[in-house]
């Protein structure tokens, strides 16, 4: 399982600065600790994500201001993963005329 992470492109004053930056990350254990079944699938409740060193360095370089401390809480995420049944048809047997 890859490290749960939040990444995004970064623009400054409307100009693309970096194509993709890992802004925040978590651990598989912390994310799965909040996993619960729901009637339509499952939910991960309040998975914590923490500011990465890459985001801290980028913020400080781009703004000249004091950046958030790497490892500080960026935020939590509560996604729902819903199962949506499709219109799959069962396999059929060949017919012979």
Protein backbone atom coordinates (compact mmCIF):
# COMPACT_ATOMS: atom_id res chain seq x y z
CA UNK A 1 0.00 0.00 0.00
CA UNK A 2 1.49 3.36 -0.94
CA UNK A 3 1.75 6.12 1.61
CA UNK A 4 -1.57 8.01 1.72
CA UNK A 5 -0.76 11.48 0.42
CA UNK A 6 -2.39 14.65 -0.89
CA UNK A 7 -0.64 16.26 -3.85
CA UNK A 8 -1.47 19.19 -6.08
CA UNK A 9 -0.03 21.52 -8.68
CA UNK A 10 1.14 24.88 -7.35
CA UNK A 11 0.58 28.24 -9.06
CA UNK A 12 1.80 31.61 -7.81
CA UNK A 13 0.17 34.77 -9.15
CA UNK A 14 -1.51 32.70 -11.84
CA UNK A 15 1.71 31.11 -13.14
CA UNK A 16 2.49 27.42 -12.75
CA UNK A 17 5.31 27.11 -10.22
CA UNK A 18 5.45 23.34 -9.77
CA UNK A 19 3.53 20.64 -11.62
CA UNK A 20 2.92 18.47 -8.55
CA UNK A 21 3.89 18.74 -4.90
CA UNK A 22 3.15 16.29 -2.10
CA UNK A 23 1.57 18.76 0.30
CA UNK A 24 0.45 16.41 3.06
CA UNK A 25 0.78 12.75 3.94
CA UNK A 26 -0.42 10.24 6.51
CA UNK A 27 0.27 6.63 7.38
CA UNK A 28 -1.65 3.57 6.29
CA UNK A 29 -2.26 2.64 9.95
CA UNK A 30 -3.75 6.05 10.82
CA UNK A 31 -5.96 6.07 7.73
CA UNK A 32 -7.27 2.54 8.23
CA UNK A 33 -7.89 3.12 11.96
CA UNK A 34 -10.93 5.17 10.97
CA UNK A 35 -12.29 2.71 8.38
CA UNK A 36 -15.87 1.60 9.05
CA UNK A 37 -18.42 -0.24 6.92
CA UNK A 38 -21.50 1.71 5.86
CA UNK A 39 -24.60 0.41 4.05
CA UNK A 40 -23.25 1.38 0.62
CA UNK A 41 -19.54 0.59 1.07
CA UNK A 42 -17.18 2.00 3.69
CA UNK A 43 -16.06 5.31 5.18
CA UNK A 44 -12.70 6.41 6.50
CA UNK A 45 -13.44 8.84 9.32
CA UNK A 46 -11.09 11.74 10.06
CA UNK A 47 -7.89 10.41 8.51
CA UNK A 48 -5.16 12.84 9.61
CA UNK A 49 -2.78 14.38 7.07
CA UNK A 50 0.44 16.20 8.03
CA UNK A 51 2.40 18.93 6.22
CA UNK A 52 5.41 17.54 4.33
CA UNK A 53 8.93 18.95 4.38
CA UNK A 54 8.61 19.52 0.63
CA UNK A 55 5.55 21.74 1.15
CA UNK A 56 7.26 23.62 3.98
CA UNK A 57 10.37 24.29 1.88
CA UNK A 58 8.29 25.37 -1.13
CA UNK A 59 6.13 27.74 0.95
CA UNK A 60 9.17 29.39 2.55
CA UNK A 61 11.01 29.75 -0.79
CA UNK A 62 7.99 31.10 -2.66
CA UNK A 63 6.72 33.55 -0.04
CA UNK A 64 9.72 34.40 2.13
CA UNK A 65 7.42 33.96 5.13
CA UNK A 66 7.63 31.50 7.97
CA UNK A 67 6.21 28.22 6.73
CA UNK A 68 4.06 25.77 8.67
CA UNK A 69 6.19 23.27 10.57
CA UNK A 70 6.74 20.00 8.72
CA UNK A 71 4.76 17.29 10.48
CA UNK A 72 2.08 19.68 11.76
CA UNK A 73 -1.54 18.77 11.10
CA UNK A 74 -2.67 19.87 7.63
CA UNK A 75 -6.23 18.61 8.12
CA UNK A 76 -8.40 15.53 8.23
CA UNK A 77 -10.23 13.73 5.47
CA UNK A 78 -13.47 11.73 5.74
CA UNK A 79 -14.12 10.05 2.38
CA UNK A 80 -16.96 7.64 1.55
CA UNK A 81 -16.22 4.76 -0.79
CA UNK A 82 -19.57 3.71 -2.20
CA UNK A 83 -20.23 0.57 -4.17
CA UNK A 84 -22.28 1.35 -7.24
CA UNK A 85 -23.65 -1.79 -8.83
CA UNK A 86 -23.34 -1.89 -12.59
CA UNK A 87 -25.48 -3.44 -15.24
CA UNK A 88 -23.17 -6.38 -15.74
CA UNK A 89 -24.69 -9.34 -17.48
CA UNK A 90 -23.73 -12.87 -16.55
CA UNK A 91 -21.71 -14.77 -19.11
CA UNK A 92 -23.79 -16.77 -21.54
CA UNK A 93 -23.16 -20.18 -23.02
CA UNK A 94 -22.66 -20.44 -26.75
CA UNK A 95 -25.64 -21.58 -28.71
CA UNK A 96 -25.56 -23.82 -31.73
CA UNK A 97 -28.08 -23.52 -34.57
